[in-house]
Amino acid sequence: MSRSYDDVFHRPNGGWTQRVGEPPAGPPPDEPARSTDDGLYRPYGITPTDDLETCDIAWWLGNDTPQGQEVQYRFIVRIGYVGDAQINLMLTDAIISIEGRNLRELRKRLSRRKVTFVQAFNAKLWPQPGAGEPVVERIEILYPGEPRGGN
């Protein structure tokens, strides 16, 4: 057997994707920045490359180091709230408290699994949002038996 692999297994009509008419997969789309095109703050949203199974919840450690957790939606047991200023995600092992202003739409989207990221505001990165805009000011993770104020 002196024939090469390509000679033996060559497909005259191309590969499987060419036979069924689907275009070959291209490079994955770039993940959009978590700010608008003009550099404004986005407190939450959907990145097109995400699968809506998780939500990346991020805050700032010392105003310059990002910190966060990827939360699987299946572990969110209940979503509590206090007006439009606080949302509490009750997980199986912790509570994630999100504080800010104008957070009603965020709460509704979280309950429908229509958010893939939530991020706290950082004045070093973005200009201050307007009074009517949603802003996440603080994110804290509360574990049973631990005192409040850890994050």
Protein backbone atom coordinates (compact mmCIF):
# COMPACT_ATOMS: atom_id res chain seq x y z
CA MET A 1 0.00 0.00 0.00
CA SER A 2 1.73 3.04 -1.23
CA ARG A 3 -1.26 5.32 -1.75
CA SER A 4 -1.54 8.30 0.52
CA TYR A 5 -4.38 8.90 2.94
CA ASP A 6 -5.81 11.69 0.77
CA ASP A 7 -5.90 9.40 -2.27
CA VAL A 8 -7.81 6.73 -0.38
CA PHE A 9 -10.28 8.95 1.48
CA HIS A 10 -10.65 11.85 -0.93
CA ARG A 11 -14.23 13.02 -1.23
CA PRO A 12 -14.97 14.36 -4.73
CA ASN A 13 -18.04 16.29 -3.53
CA GLY A 14 -16.34 17.86 -0.52
CA GLY A 15 -16.96 17.22 3.14
CA TRP A 16 -20.22 16.64 4.96
CA THR A 17 -21.06 20.36 5.35
CA GLN A 18 -20.69 20.91 1.62
CA ARG A 19 -23.00 17.98 0.83
CA VAL A 20 -25.80 19.21 3.12
CA GLY A 21 -25.44 22.80 2.02
CA GLU A 22 -24.36 24.36 5.31
CA PRO A 23 -21.49 26.81 5.16
CA PRO A 24 -18.37 25.85 7.08
CA ALA A 25 -18.08 27.42 10.49
CA GLY A 26 -16.29 30.75 10.45
CA PRO A 27 -14.37 32.34 13.23
CA PRO A 28 -16.48 33.05 16.34
CA PRO A 29 -17.82 36.60 16.56
CA ASP A 30 -15.96 38.94 18.85
CA GLU A 31 -17.56 39.32 22.24
CA PRO A 32 -18.89 42.84 22.52
CA ALA A 33 -17.45 45.12 25.14
CA ARG A 34 -19.54 45.56 28.22
CA SER A 35 -20.00 49.19 27.41
CA THR A 36 -21.78 50.93 24.57
CA ASP A 37 -20.08 51.96 21.33
CA ASP A 38 -19.55 55.43 22.74
CA GLY A 39 -17.95 54.06 25.93
CA LEU A 40 -20.93 54.34 28.28
CA TYR A 41 -21.61 51.96 31.15
CA ARG A 42 -23.89 48.94 30.63
CA PRO A 43 -25.00 47.46 33.95
CA TYR A 44 -26.31 44.26 32.33
CA GLY A 45 -26.90 42.66 28.98
CA ILE A 46 -26.52 39.68 26.70
CA THR A 47 -23.38 38.77 24.84
CA PRO A 48 -24.27 36.96 21.60
CA THR A 49 -21.71 34.21 22.15
CA ASP A 50 -23.24 33.15 25.48
CA ASP A 51 -25.74 30.32 25.82
CA LEU A 52 -28.12 31.87 28.41
CA GLU A 53 -27.30 29.08 30.88
CA THR A 54 -25.01 31.24 33.02
CA CYS A 55 -24.73 34.82 34.17
CA ASP A 56 -21.36 36.46 34.84
CA ILE A 57 -21.77 38.70 37.89
CA ALA A 58 -18.81 41.06 38.26
CA TRP A 59 -17.73 43.76 40.67
CA TRP A 60 -14.54 45.66 41.39
CA LEU A 61 -11.95 44.92 44.02
CA GLY A 62 -10.30 48.20 44.97
CA ASN A 63 -11.71 49.99 41.87
CA ASP A 64 -9.19 48.44 39.49
CA THR A 65 -9.33 44.65 39.75
CA PRO A 66 -12.37 42.88 38.32
CA GLN A 67 -13.81 40.08 40.41
CA GLY A 68 -16.88 37.97 39.90
CA GLN A 69 -18.65 34.67 39.62
CA GLU A 70 -20.29 32.78 36.80
CA VAL A 71 -23.66 31.70 38.16
CA GLN A 72 -25.59 28.83 36.59
CA TYR A 73 -29.24 29.83 36.24
CA ARG A 74 -30.33 26.36 37.36
CA PHE A 75 -28.96 27.12 40.86
CA ILE A 76 -31.02 30.30 41.29
CA VAL A 77 -33.88 29.19 43.49
CA ARG A 78 -35.66 32.52 43.90
CA ILE A 79 -35.23 36.22 43.09
CA GLY A 80 -36.13 38.69 45.83
CA TYR A 81 -36.14 42.48 45.63
CA VAL A 82 -36.55 45.66 47.64
CA GLY A 83 -38.13 48.29 45.39
CA ASP A 84 -35.93 49.12 42.41
CA ALA A 85 -32.81 49.46 44.54
CA GLN A 86 -31.95 45.88 45.54
CA ILE A 87 -32.14 42.41 43.98
CA ASN A 88 -31.34 39.25 45.93
CA LEU A 89 -30.53 36.11 43.96
CA MET A 90 -31.14 33.18 46.29
CA LEU A 91 -28.81 30.37 45.21
CA THR A 92 -28.64 26.89 46.66
CA ASP A 93 -25.61 27.83 48.79
CA ALA A 94 -25.53 31.66 48.96
CA ILE A 95 -27.35 34.91 48.29
CA ILE A 96 -26.03 37.40 45.76
CA SER A 97 -27.16 40.89 46.71
CA ILE A 98 -27.17 43.46 43.89
CA GLU A 99 -27.70 47.06 44.98
CA GLY A 100 -28.13 50.17 42.87
CA ARG A 101 -30.89 52.19 41.29
CA ASN A 102 -33.49 51.60 38.59
CA LEU A 103 -32.97 47.82 38.72
CA ARG A 104 -36.54 46.71 37.93
CA GLU A 105 -35.80 45.79 34.30
CA LEU A 106 -32.69 43.85 35.39
CA ARG A 107 -34.81 41.86 37.86
CA LYS A 108 -37.37 41.05 35.16
CA ARG A 109 -34.67 39.95 32.71
CA LEU A 110 -32.93 37.81 35.33
CA SER A 111 -36.21 36.05 36.08
CA ARG A 112 -36.59 35.24 32.36
CA ARG A 113 -32.92 34.20 31.99
CA LYS A 114 -32.32 37.01 29.50
CA VAL A 115 -29.09 38.34 31.02
CA THR A 116 -25.60 36.89 30.58
CA PHE A 117 -23.69 39.55 32.51
CA VAL A 118 -24.24 41.96 35.37
CA GLN A 119 -21.47 44.37 36.32
CA ALA A 120 -21.00 46.99 39.00
CA PHE A 121 -20.26 50.57 37.99
CA ASN A 122 -16.63 51.77 38.13
CA ALA A 123 -16.04 55.54 37.90
CA LYS A 124 -12.49 54.94 36.62
CA LEU A 125 -13.84 53.28 33.47
CA TRP A 126 -17.12 55.00 32.63
CA PRO A 127 -18.73 58.41 32.98
CA GLN A 128 -21.49 58.65 35.60
CA PRO A 129 -24.84 57.45 34.16
CA GLY A 130 -27.84 59.76 34.15
CA ALA A 131 -30.36 59.88 36.98
CA GLY A 132 -32.92 57.71 35.17
CA GLU A 133 -30.42 55.08 33.99
CA PRO A 134 -29.95 51.73 35.76
CA VAL A 135 -26.76 51.48 37.82
CA VAL A 136 -25.36 48.57 39.82
CA GLU A 137 -23.49 50.19 42.71
CA ARG A 138 -22.65 47.19 44.87
CA ILE A 139 -22.61 43.40 44.58
CA GLU A 140 -22.15 41.23 47.62
CA ILE A 141 -22.20 37.46 48.13
CA LEU A 142 -23.66 36.32 51.43
CA TYR A 143 -22.94 32.81 52.70
CA PRO A 144 -24.85 31.19 55.58
CA GLY A 145 -23.15 31.81 58.92
CA GLU A 146 -20.79 34.52 57.65
CA PRO A 147 -21.09 38.15 58.75
CA ARG A 148 -22.24 40.69 56.18
CA GLY A 149 -19.68 42.97 54.51
CA GLY A 150 -17.27 40.41 53.08
CA ASN A 151 -17.31 41.62 49.44
